[in-house]
PDB file of all heavy atoms in Angstrom:
ATOM      1  N   SER A   1      54.362  -3.177  18.499  1.00  0.00           N
ATOM      2  CA  SER A   1      53.582  -2.418  17.523  1.00  0.00           C
ATOM      3  C   SER A   1      52.531  -3.313  16.866  1.00  0.00           C
ATOM      4  O   SER A   1      52.728  -4.517  16.686  1.00  0.00           O
ATOM      5  CB  SER A   1      54.490  -1.806  16.462  1.00  0.00           C
ATOM      6  OG  SER A   1      55.118  -2.817  15.697  1.00  0.00           O
ATOM      7  N   ARG A   2      51.442  -2.716  16.522  1.00  0.00           N
ATOM      8  CA  ARG A   2      50.351  -3.405  15.822  1.00  0.00           C
ATOM      9  C   ARG A   2      50.474  -3.065  14.345  1.00  0.00           C
ATOM     10  O   ARG A   2      50.482  -1.884  13.961  1.00  0.00           O
ATOM     11  CB  ARG A   2      49.008  -2.943  16.370  1.00  0.00           C
ATOM     12  CG  ARG A   2      47.788  -3.653  15.802  1.00  0.00           C
ATOM     13  CD  ARG A   2      46.550  -3.178  16.543  1.00  0.00           C
ATOM     14  NE  ARG A   2      46.691  -3.446  17.969  1.00  0.00           N
ATOM     15  CZ  ARG A   2      45.993  -4.354  18.642  1.00  0.00           C
ATOM     16  NH1 ARG A   2      45.108  -5.083  18.001  1.00  0.00           N
ATOM     17  NH2 ARG A   2      46.170  -4.523  19.933  1.00  0.00           N
ATOM     18  N   VAL A   3      50.599  -4.070  13.508  1.00  0.00           N
ATOM     19  CA  VAL A   3      50.730  -3.842  12.067  1.00  0.00           C
ATOM     20  C   VAL A   3      49.673  -4.662  11.347  1.00  0.00           C
ATOM     21  O   VAL A   3      49.222  -5.709  11.839  1.00  0.00           O
ATOM     22  CB  VAL A   3      52.133  -4.219  11.547  1.00  0.00           C
ATOM     23  CG1 VAL A   3      53.194  -3.363  12.226  1.00  0.00           C
ATOM     24  CG2 VAL A   3      52.430  -5.689  11.758  1.00  0.00           C
ATOM     25  N   ALA A   4      49.261  -4.176  10.197  1.00  0.00           N
ATOM     26  CA  ALA A   4      48.242  -4.876   9.411  1.00  0.00           C
ATOM     27  C   ALA A   4      48.456  -4.590   7.940  1.00  0.00           C
ATOM     28  O   ALA A   4      48.952  -3.514   7.560  1.00  0.00           O
ATOM     29  CB  ALA A   4      46.834  -4.445   9.826  1.00  0.00           C
ATOM     30  N   ALA A   5      48.084  -5.547   7.126  1.00  0.00           N
ATOM     31  CA  ALA A   5      48.115  -5.377   5.670  1.00  0.00           C
ATOM     32  C   ALA A   5      46.840  -5.987   5.103  1.00  0.00           C
ATOM     33  O   ALA A   5      46.554  -7.170   5.322  1.00  0.00           O
ATOM     34  CB  ALA A   5      49.341  -6.044   5.067  1.00  0.00           C
ATOM     35  N   MET A   6      46.058  -5.165   4.419  1.00  0.00           N
ATOM     36  CA  MET A   6      44.826  -5.630   3.785  1.00  0.00           C
ATOM     37  C   MET A   6      45.086  -5.877   2.308  1.00  0.00           C
ATOM     38  O   MET A   6      45.653  -5.016   1.611  1.00  0.00           O
ATOM     39  CB  MET A   6      43.708  -4.600   3.947  1.00  0.00           C
ATOM     40  CG  MET A   6      42.384  -5.034   3.328  1.00  0.00           C
ATOM     41  SD  MET A   6      41.000  -3.923   3.715  1.00  0.00           S
ATOM     42  CE  MET A   6      41.480  -2.457   2.776  1.00  0.00           C
ATOM     43  N   PHE A   7      44.674  -7.039   1.812  1.00  0.00           N
ATOM     44  CA  PHE A   7      44.893  -7.444   0.423  1.00  0.00           C
ATOM     45  C   PHE A   7      43.559  -7.552  -0.290  1.00  0.00           C
ATOM     46  O   PHE A   7      42.674  -8.307   0.132  1.00  0.00           O
ATOM     47  CB  PHE A   7      45.616  -8.794   0.373  1.00  0.00           C
ATOM     48  CG  PHE A   7      46.993  -8.782   0.964  1.00  0.00           C
ATOM     49  CD1 PHE A   7      47.172  -8.901   2.337  1.00  0.00           C
ATOM     50  CD2 PHE A   7      48.112  -8.638   0.161  1.00  0.00           C
ATOM     51  CE1 PHE A   7      48.431  -8.879   2.901  1.00  0.00           C
ATOM     52  CE2 PHE A   7      49.385  -8.615   0.712  1.00  0.00           C
ATOM     53  CZ  PHE A   7      49.555  -8.733   2.078  1.00  0.00           C
ATOM     54  N   LEU A   8      43.416  -6.813  -1.374  1.00  0.00           N
ATOM     55  CA  LEU A   8      42.255  -6.907  -2.246  1.00  0.00           C
ATOM     56  C   LEU A   8      42.721  -7.588  -3.525  1.00  0.00           C
ATOM     57  O   LEU A   8      43.522  -7.025  -4.283  1.00  0.00           O
ATOM     58  CB  LEU A   8      41.684  -5.519  -2.541  1.00  0.00           C
ATOM     59  CG  LEU A   8      41.398  -4.635  -1.326  1.00  0.00           C
ATOM     60  CD1 LEU A   8      40.859  -3.285  -1.767  1.00  0.00           C
ATOM     61  CD2 LEU A   8      40.443  -5.309  -0.354  1.00  0.00           C
ATOM     62  N   GLN A   9      42.261  -8.801  -3.764  1.00  0.00           N
ATOM     63  CA  GLN A   9      42.757  -9.569  -4.904  1.00  0.00           C
ATOM     64  C   GLN A   9      42.049  -9.117  -6.169  1.00  0.00           C
ATOM     65  O   GLN A   9      40.837  -9.262  -6.321  1.00  0.00           O
ATOM     66  CB  GLN A   9      42.554 -11.063  -4.684  1.00  0.00           C
ATOM     67  CG  GLN A   9      43.223 -11.908  -5.759  1.00  0.00           C
ATOM     68  CD  GLN A   9      43.400 -13.361  -5.337  1.00  0.00           C
ATOM     69  OE1 GLN A   9      42.969 -13.766  -4.262  1.00  0.00           O
ATOM     70  NE2 GLN A   9      44.046 -14.146  -6.186  1.00  0.00           N
ATOM     71  N   THR A  10      42.813  -8.569  -7.096  1.00  0.00           N
ATOM     72  CA  THR A  10      42.257  -8.028  -8.333  1.00  0.00           C
ATOM     73  C   THR A  10      42.504  -8.930  -9.535  1.00  0.00           C
ATOM     74  O   THR A  10      42.025  -8.642 -10.631  1.00  0.00           O
ATOM     75  CB  THR A  10      42.844  -6.637  -8.604  1.00  0.00           C
ATOM     76  OG1 THR A  10      44.277  -6.712  -8.609  1.00  0.00           O
ATOM     77  CG2 THR A  10      42.412  -5.654  -7.513  1.00  0.00           C
ATOM     78  N   GLY A  11      43.260 -10.010  -9.349  1.00  0.00           N
ATOM     79  CA  GLY A  11      43.541 -10.975 -10.395  1.00  0.00           C
ATOM     80  C   GLY A  11      44.231 -12.169  -9.775  1.00  0.00           C
ATOM     81  O   GLY A  11      44.581 -12.153  -8.590  1.00  0.00           O
ATOM     82  N   PRO A  12      44.476 -13.237 -10.557  1.00  0.00           N
ATOM     83  CA  PRO A  12      45.126 -14.416  -9.986  1.00  0.00           C
ATOM     84  C   PRO A  12      46.462 -14.100  -9.315  1.00  0.00           C
ATOM     85  O   PRO A  12      46.814 -14.727  -8.309  1.00  0.00           O
ATOM     86  CB  PRO A  12      45.310 -15.335 -11.190  1.00  0.00           C
ATOM     87  CG  PRO A  12      44.268 -14.895 -12.167  1.00  0.00           C
ATOM     88  CD  PRO A  12      44.131 -13.423 -11.981  1.00  0.00           C
ATOM     89  N   ASP A  13      47.188 -13.126  -9.862  1.00  0.00           N
ATOM     90  CA  ASP A  13      48.511 -12.787  -9.340  1.00  0.00           C
ATOM     91  C   ASP A  13      48.618 -11.313  -8.950  1.00  0.00           C
ATOM     92  O   ASP A  13      49.728 -10.808  -8.760  1.00  0.00           O
ATOM     93  CB  ASP A  13      49.585 -13.106 -10.386  1.00  0.00           C
ATOM     94  CG  ASP A  13      49.481 -14.520 -10.921  1.00  0.00           C
ATOM     95  OD1 ASP A  13      49.555 -15.457 -10.101  1.00  0.00           O
ATOM     96  OD2 ASP A  13      49.294 -14.696 -12.138  1.00  0.00           O
ATOM     97  N   SER A  14      47.477 -10.626  -8.819  1.00  0.00           N
ATOM     98  CA  SER A  14      47.496  -9.181  -8.614  1.00  0.00           C
ATOM     99  C   SER A  14      46.716  -8.812  -7.358  1.00  0.00           C
ATOM    100  O   SER A  14      45.631  -9.358  -7.102  1.00  0.00           O
ATOM    101  CB  SER A  14      46.884  -8.462  -9.817  1.00  0.00           C
ATOM    102  OG  SER A  14      47.568  -8.799 -11.008  1.00  0.00           O
ATOM    103  N   PHE A  15      47.254  -7.840  -6.593  1.00  0.00           N
ATOM    104  CA  PHE A  15      46.642  -7.424  -5.341  1.00  0.00           C
ATOM    105  C   PHE A  15      46.819  -5.925  -5.147  1.00  0.00           C
ATOM    106  O   PHE A  15      47.875  -5.368  -5.485  1.00  0.00           O
ATOM    107  CB  PHE A  15      47.288  -8.144  -4.150  1.00  0.00           C
ATOM    108  CG  PHE A  15      47.267  -9.640  -4.259  1.00  0.00           C
ATOM    109  CD1 PHE A  15      48.303 -10.322  -4.883  1.00  0.00           C
ATOM    110  CD2 PHE A  15      46.202 -10.362  -3.760  1.00  0.00           C
ATOM    111  CE1 PHE A  15      48.288 -11.698  -5.000  1.00  0.00           C
ATOM    112  CE2 PHE A  15      46.168 -11.745  -3.874  1.00  0.00           C
ATOM    113  CZ  PHE A  15      47.223 -12.415  -4.487  1.00  0.00           C
ATOM    114  N   THR A  16      45.780  -5.295  -4.613  1.00  0.00           N
ATOM    115  CA  THR A  16      45.918  -3.947  -4.072  1.00  0.00           C
ATOM    116  C   THR A  16      46.100  -4.104  -2.573  1.00  0.00           C
ATOM    117  O   THR A  16      45.288  -4.749  -1.902  1.00  0.00           O
ATOM    118  CB  THR A  16      44.684  -3.092  -4.381  1.00  0.00           C
ATOM    119  OG1 THR A  16      44.560  -2.955  -5.802  1.00  0.00           O
ATOM    120  CG2 THR A  16      44.821  -1.711  -3.756  1.00  0.00           C
ATOM    121  N   VAL A  17      47.177  -3.521  -2.033  1.00  0.00           N
ATOM    122  CA  VAL A  17      47.563  -3.744  -0.643  1.00  0.00           C
ATOM    123  C   VAL A  17      47.515  -2.417   0.102  1.00  0.00           C
ATOM    124  O   VAL A  17      48.093  -1.421  -0.348  1.00  0.00           O
ATOM    125  CB  VAL A  17      48.977  -4.351  -0.543  1.00  0.00           C
ATOM    126  CG1 VAL A  17      49.313  -4.678   0.914  1.00  0.00           C
ATOM    127  CG2 VAL A  17      49.091  -5.605  -1.411  1.00  0.00           C
ATOM    128  N   VAL A  18      46.830  -2.418   1.245  1.00  0.00           N
ATOM    129  CA  VAL A  18      46.772  -1.247   2.116  1.00  0.00           C
ATOM    130  C   VAL A  18      47.431  -1.625   3.427  1.00  0.00           C
ATOM    131  O   VAL A  18      47.041  -2.609   4.065  1.00  0.00           O
ATOM    132  CB  VAL A  18      45.322  -0.786   2.371  1.00  0.00           C
ATOM    133  CG1 VAL A  18      45.304   0.535   3.139  1.00  0.00           C
ATOM    134  CG2 VAL A  18      44.564  -0.654   1.054  1.00  0.00           C
ATOM    135  N   GLY A  19      48.436  -0.842   3.854  1.00  0.00           N
ATOM    136  CA  GLY A  19      49.199  -1.194   5.044  1.00  0.00           C
ATOM    137  C   GLY A  19      49.002  -0.218   6.183  1.00  0.00           C
ATOM    138  O   GLY A  19      48.651   0.944   5.996  1.00  0.00           O
ATOM    139  N   SER A  20      49.240  -0.724   7.388  1.00  0.00           N
ATOM    140  CA  SER A  20      49.251   0.107   8.593  1.00  0.00           C
ATOM    141  C   SER A  20      50.400  -0.353   9.468  1.00  0.00           C
ATOM    142  O   SER A  20      50.499  -1.532   9.801  1.00  0.00           O
ATOM    143  CB  SER A  20      47.923  -0.020   9.352  1.00  0.00           C
ATOM    144  OG  SER A  20      47.976   0.707  10.560  1.00  0.00           O
ATOM    145  N   GLY A  21      51.269   0.573   9.831  1.00  0.00           N
ATOM    146  CA  GLY A  21      52.439   0.220  10.622  1.00  0.00           C
ATOM    147  C   GLY A  21      53.636  -0.101   9.748  1.00  0.00           C
ATOM    148  O   GLY A  21      53.567  -0.060   8.510  1.00  0.00           O
ATOM    149  N   ASP A  22      54.753  -0.418  10.384  1.00  0.00           N
ATOM    150  CA  ASP A  22      56.006  -0.721   9.688  1.00  0.00           C
ATOM    151  C   ASP A  22      56.170  -2.225   9.608  1.00  0.00           C
ATOM    152  O   ASP A  22      56.262  -2.917  10.631  1.00  0.00           O
ATOM    153  CB  ASP A  22      57.189  -0.102  10.432  1.00  0.00           C
ATOM    154  CG  ASP A  22      57.094   1.421  10.488  1.00  0.00           C
ATOM    155  OD1 ASP A  22      57.089   2.048   9.412  1.00  0.00           O
ATOM    156  OD2 ASP A  22      57.001   1.968  11.599  1.00  0.00           O
ATOM    157  N   ALA A  23      56.217  -2.759   8.388  1.00  0.00           N
ATOM    158  CA  ALA A  23      56.265  -4.207   8.214  1.00  0.00           C
ATOM    159  C   ALA A  23      56.950  -4.567   6.913  1.00  0.00           C
ATOM    160  O   ALA A  23      57.065  -3.744   5.985  1.00  0.00           O
ATOM    161  CB  ALA A  23      54.852  -4.793   8.243  1.00  0.00           C
ATOM    162  N   VAL A  24      57.414  -5.811   6.848  1.00  0.00           N
ATOM    163  CA  VAL A  24      57.958  -6.386   5.633  1.00  0.00           C
ATOM    164  C   VAL A  24      57.099  -7.584   5.256  1.00  0.00           C
ATOM    165  O   VAL A  24      56.834  -8.460   6.095  1.00  0.00           O
ATOM    166  CB  VAL A  24      59.421  -6.828   5.811  1.00  0.00           C
ATOM    167  CG1 VAL A  24      59.903  -7.604   4.588  1.00  0.00           C
ATOM    168  CG2 VAL A  24      60.312  -5.620   6.041  1.00  0.00           C
ATOM    169  N   VAL A  25      56.653  -7.613   4.004  1.00  0.00           N
ATOM    170  CA  VAL A  25      55.784  -8.672   3.506  1.00  0.00           C
ATOM    171  C   VAL A  25      56.518  -9.469   2.444  1.00  0.00           C
ATOM    172  O   VAL A  25      57.132  -8.896   1.535  1.00  0.00           O
ATOM    173  CB  VAL A  25      54.487  -8.094   2.914  1.00  0.00           C
ATOM    174  CG1 VAL A  25      53.594  -9.213   2.380  1.00  0.00           C
ATOM    175  CG2 VAL A  25      53.739  -7.262   3.956  1.00  0.00           C
ATOM    176  N   THR A  26      56.483 -10.794   2.559  1.00  0.00           N
ATOM    177  CA  THR A  26      57.030 -11.675   1.526  1.00  0.00           C
ATOM    178  C   THR A  26      55.948 -12.647   1.089  1.00  0.00           C
ATOM    179  O   THR A  26      54.932 -12.832   1.767  1.00  0.00           O
ATOM    180  CB  THR A  26      58.250 -12.458   2.044  1.00  0.00           C
ATOM    181  OG1 THR A  26      57.864 -13.222   3.203  1.00  0.00           O
ATOM    182  CG2 THR A  26      59.386 -11.518   2.416  1.00  0.00           C
ATOM    183  N   PHE A  27      56.178 -13.271  -0.062  1.00  0.00           N
ATOM    184  CA  PHE A  27      55.198 -14.182  -0.642  1.00  0.00           C
ATOM    185  C   PHE A  27      55.864 -15.507  -0.954  1.00  0.00           C
ATOM    186  O   PHE A  27      56.977 -15.555  -1.478  1.00  0.00           O
ATOM    187  CB  PHE A  27      54.608 -13.576  -1.923  1.00  0.00           C
ATOM    188  CG  PHE A  27      53.926 -12.253  -1.721  1.00  0.00           C
ATOM    189  CD1 PHE A  27      54.657 -11.061  -1.784  1.00  0.00           C
ATOM    190  CD2 PHE A  27      52.565 -12.183  -1.464  1.00  0.00           C
ATOM    191  CE1 PHE A  27      54.031  -9.838  -1.606  1.00  0.00           C
ATOM    192  CE2 PHE A  27      51.935 -10.960  -1.278  1.00  0.00           C
ATOM    193  CZ  PHE A  27      52.675  -9.790  -1.350  1.00  0.00           C
ATOM    194  N   THR A  28      55.176 -16.591  -0.623  1.00  0.00           N
ATOM    195  CA  THR A  28      55.642 -17.935  -0.946  1.00  0.00           C
ATOM    196  C   THR A  28      54.475 -18.709  -1.549  1.00  0.00           C
ATOM    197  O   THR A  28      53.338 -18.225  -1.590  1.00  0.00           O
ATOM    198  CB  THR A  28      56.171 -18.666   0.303  1.00  0.00           C
ATOM    199  OG1 THR A  28      55.149 -18.669   1.312  1.00  0.00           O
ATOM    200  CG2 THR A  28      57.418 -17.978   0.853  1.00  0.00           C
ATOM    201  N   ALA A  29      54.744 -19.933  -2.008  1.00  0.00           N
ATOM    202  CA  ALA A  29      53.687 -20.755  -2.601  1.00  0.00           C
ATOM    203  C   ALA A  29      53.987 -22.218  -2.345  1.00  0.00           C
ATOM    204  O   ALA A  29      55.141 -22.646  -2.371  1.00  0.00           O
ATOM    205  CB  ALA A  29      53.587 -20.488  -4.099  1.00  0.00           C
ATOM    206  N   ASP A  30      52.943 -22.986  -2.089  1.00  0.00           N
ATOM    207  CA  ASP A  30      53.066 -24.438  -1.956  1.00  0.00           C
ATOM    208  C   ASP A  30      52.058 -25.147  -2.847  1.00  0.00           C
ATOM    209  O   ASP A  30      51.723 -26.305  -2.638  1.00  0.00           O
ATOM    210  CB  ASP A  30      52.883 -24.869  -0.499  1.00  0.00           C
ATOM    211  CG  ASP A  30      51.529 -24.463   0.080  1.00  0.00           C
ATOM    212  OD1 ASP A  30      50.698 -23.910  -0.678  1.00  0.00           O
ATOM    213  OD2 ASP A  30      51.296 -24.710   1.277  1.00  0.00           O
ATOM    214  N   THR A  31      51.574 -24.442  -3.865  1.00  0.00           N
ATOM    215  CA  THR A  31      50.635 -25.005  -4.826  1.00  0.00           C
ATOM    216  C   THR A  31      51.395 -25.425  -6.080  1.00  0.00           C
ATOM    217  O   THR A  31      52.552 -25.025  -6.294  1.00  0.00           O
ATOM    218  CB  THR A  31      49.561 -23.971  -5.176  1.00  0.00           C
ATOM    219  OG1 THR A  31      50.199 -22.765  -5.627  1.00  0.00           O
ATOM    220  CG2 THR A  31      48.706 -23.654  -3.957  1.00  0.00           C
ATOM    221  N   PRO A  32      50.784 -26.248  -6.924  1.00  0.00           N
ATOM    222  CA  PRO A  32      51.481 -26.705  -8.135  1.00  0.00           C
ATOM    223  C   PRO A  32      52.002 -25.543  -8.973  1.00  0.00           C
ATOM    224  O   PRO A  32      51.324 -24.528  -9.141  1.00  0.00           O
ATOM    225  CB  PRO A  32      50.401 -27.493  -8.877  1.00  0.00           C
ATOM    226  CG  PRO A  32      49.482 -27.974  -7.797  1.00  0.00           C
ATOM    227  CD  PRO A  32      49.451 -26.859  -6.792  1.00  0.00           C
ATOM    228  N   GLY A  33      53.207 -25.692  -9.497  1.00  0.00           N
ATOM    229  CA  GLY A  33      53.832 -24.662 -10.305  1.00  0.00           C
ATOM    230  C   GLY A  33      55.242 -24.397  -9.842  1.00  0.00           C
ATOM    231  O   GLY A  33      55.725 -25.020  -8.879  1.00  0.00           O
ATOM    232  N   PRO A  34      55.939 -23.484 -10.508  1.00  0.00           N
ATOM    233  CA  PRO A  34      57.294 -23.136 -10.070  1.00  0.00           C
ATOM    234  C   PRO A  34      57.318 -22.771  -8.595  1.00  0.00           C
ATOM    235  O   PRO A  34      56.384 -22.147  -8.073  1.00  0.00           O
ATOM    236  CB  PRO A  34      57.650 -21.952 -10.970  1.00  0.00           C
ATOM    237  CG  PRO A  34      56.809 -22.143 -12.193  1.00  0.00           C
ATOM    238  CD  PRO A  34      55.530 -22.736 -11.711  1.00  0.00           C
ATOM    239  N   ALA A  35      58.405 -23.122  -7.911  1.00  0.00           N
ATOM    240  CA  ALA A  35      58.432 -23.049  -6.452  1.00  0.00           C
ATOM    241  C   ALA A  35      58.662 -21.657  -5.902  1.00  0.00           C
ATOM    242  O   ALA A  35      58.265 -21.360  -4.771  1.00  0.00           O
ATOM    243  CB  ALA A  35      59.515 -23.990  -5.922  1.00  0.00           C
ATOM    244  N   ILE A  36      59.319 -20.778  -6.660  1.00  0.00           N
ATOM    245  CA  ILE A  36      59.738 -19.483  -6.114  1.00  0.00           C
ATOM    246  C   ILE A  36      58.771 -18.399  -6.576  1.00  0.00           C
ATOM    247  O   ILE A  36      58.385 -18.343  -7.754  1.00  0.00           O
ATOM    248  CB  ILE A  36      61.174 -19.139  -6.560  1.00  0.00           C
ATOM    249  CG1 ILE A  36      62.125 -20.268  -6.163  1.00  0.00           C
ATOM    250  CG2 ILE A  36      61.627 -17.822  -5.935  1.00  0.00           C
ATOM    251  CD1 ILE A  36      63.534 -20.101  -6.710  1.00  0.00           C
ATOM    252  N   VAL A  37      58.404 -17.513  -5.649  1.00  0.00           N
ATOM    253  CA  VAL A  37      57.521 -16.392  -5.955  1.00  0.00           C
ATOM    254  C   VAL A  37      58.351 -15.121  -6.070  1.00  0.00           C
ATOM    255  O   VAL A  37      59.132 -14.792  -5.162  1.00  0.00           O
ATOM    256  CB  VAL A  37      56.442 -16.210  -4.876  1.00  0.00           C
ATOM    257  CG1 VAL A  37      55.570 -15.000  -5.194  1.00  0.00           C
ATOM    258  CG2 VAL A  37      55.592 -17.463  -4.747  1.00  0.00           C
ATOM    259  N   GLY A  38      58.178 -14.438  -7.183  1.00  0.00           N
ATOM    260  CA  GLY A  38      58.859 -13.171  -7.380  1.00  0.00           C
ATOM    261  C   GLY A  38      57.868 -12.022  -7.470  1.00  0.00           C
ATOM    262  O   GLY A  38      56.669 -12.221  -7.695  1.00  0.00           O
ATOM    263  N   LEU A  39      58.384 -10.822  -7.251  1.00  0.00           N
ATOM    264  CA  LEU A  39      57.577  -9.618  -7.384  1.00  0.00           C
ATOM    265  C   LEU A  39      57.785  -9.046  -8.782  1.00  0.00           C
ATOM    266  O   LEU A  39      58.847  -8.512  -9.096  1.00  0.00           O
ATOM    267  CB  LEU A  39      57.970  -8.592  -6.319  1.00  0.00           C
ATOM    268  CG  LEU A  39      57.455  -8.902  -4.907  1.00  0.00           C
ATOM    269  CD1 LEU A  39      58.254  -8.144  -3.866  1.00  0.00           C
ATOM    270  CD2 LEU A  39      55.986  -8.542  -4.805  1.00  0.00           C
ATOM    271  N   ASP A  40      56.772  -9.194  -9.641  1.00  0.00           N
ATOM    272  CA  ASP A  40      56.845  -8.641 -10.987  1.00  0.00           C
ATOM    273  C   ASP A  40      56.946  -7.122 -10.911  1.00  0.00           C
ATOM    274  O   ASP A  40      57.804  -6.502 -11.552  1.00  0.00           O
ATOM    275  CB  ASP A  40      55.612  -9.078 -11.763  1.00  0.00           C
ATOM    276  CG  ASP A  40      55.635  -8.647 -13.229  1.00  0.00           C
ATOM    277  OD1 ASP A  40      56.390  -7.713 -13.554  1.00  0.00           O
ATOM    278  OD2 ASP A  40      54.889  -9.228 -14.026  1.00  0.00           O
ATOM    279  N   SER A  41      56.068  -6.521 -10.079  1.00  0.00           N
ATOM    280  CA  SER A  41      56.096  -5.061  -9.953  1.00  0.00           C
ATOM    281  C   SER A  41      55.370  -4.629  -8.690  1.00  0.00           C
ATOM    282  O   SER A  41      54.464  -5.316  -8.213  1.00  0.00           O
ATOM    283  CB  SER A  41      55.450  -4.390 -11.167  1.00  0.00           C
ATOM    284  OG  SER A  41      54.095  -4.778 -11.295  1.00  0.00           O
TER     285      SER A  41
END
Protein backbone atom coordinates (compact mmCIF):
# COMPACT_ATOMS: atom_id res chain seq x y z
CA SER A 1 0.00 0.00 0.00
CA ARG A 2 1.04 3.58 -0.66
CA VAL A 3 0.63 5.82 2.38
CA ALA A 4 1.41 9.48 2.90
CA ALA A 5 1.13 12.10 5.61
CA MET A 6 1.43 15.81 4.87
CA PHE A 7 2.47 18.08 7.76
CA LEU A 8 1.75 21.80 7.80
CA GLN A 9 3.71 23.31 10.69
CA THR A 10 1.57 25.91 12.43
CA GLY A 11 3.82 26.45 15.47
CA PRO A 12 7.02 25.14 17.06
CA ASP A 13 5.12 22.13 18.41
CA SER A 14 1.92 22.25 16.35
CA PHE A 15 1.01 20.63 13.02
CA THR A 16 -1.99 20.18 10.78
CA VAL A 17 -1.69 16.66 9.36
CA VAL A 18 -3.43 15.30 6.26
CA GLY A 19 -3.20 11.54 5.74
CA SER A 20 -3.72 9.08 2.92
CA GLY A 21 -3.84 5.35 3.54
CA ASP A 22 -3.61 3.36 6.77
CA ALA A 23 -0.57 4.29 8.85
CA VAL A 24 0.77 4.85 12.34
CA VAL A 25 2.84 7.98 12.99
CA THR A 26 5.16 8.49 15.96
CA PHE A 27 7.39 11.40 16.92
CA THR A 28 10.90 11.43 18.35
CA ALA A 29 13.55 14.10 18.94
CA ASP A 30 17.33 14.28 18.98
CA THR A 31 17.61 18.02 19.58
CA PRO A 32 18.45 19.67 22.91
CA GLY A 33 15.71 19.29 25.50
CA PRO A 34 13.81 16.50 27.23
CA ALA A 35 14.33 13.24 25.37
CA ILE A 36 10.77 11.90 25.11
CA VAL A 37 8.11 13.31 22.78
CA GLY A 38 4.51 13.14 23.89
CA LEU A 39 1.24 13.95 22.18
CA ASP A 40 -0.36 16.86 24.03
CA SER A 41 -3.51 16.59 21.93
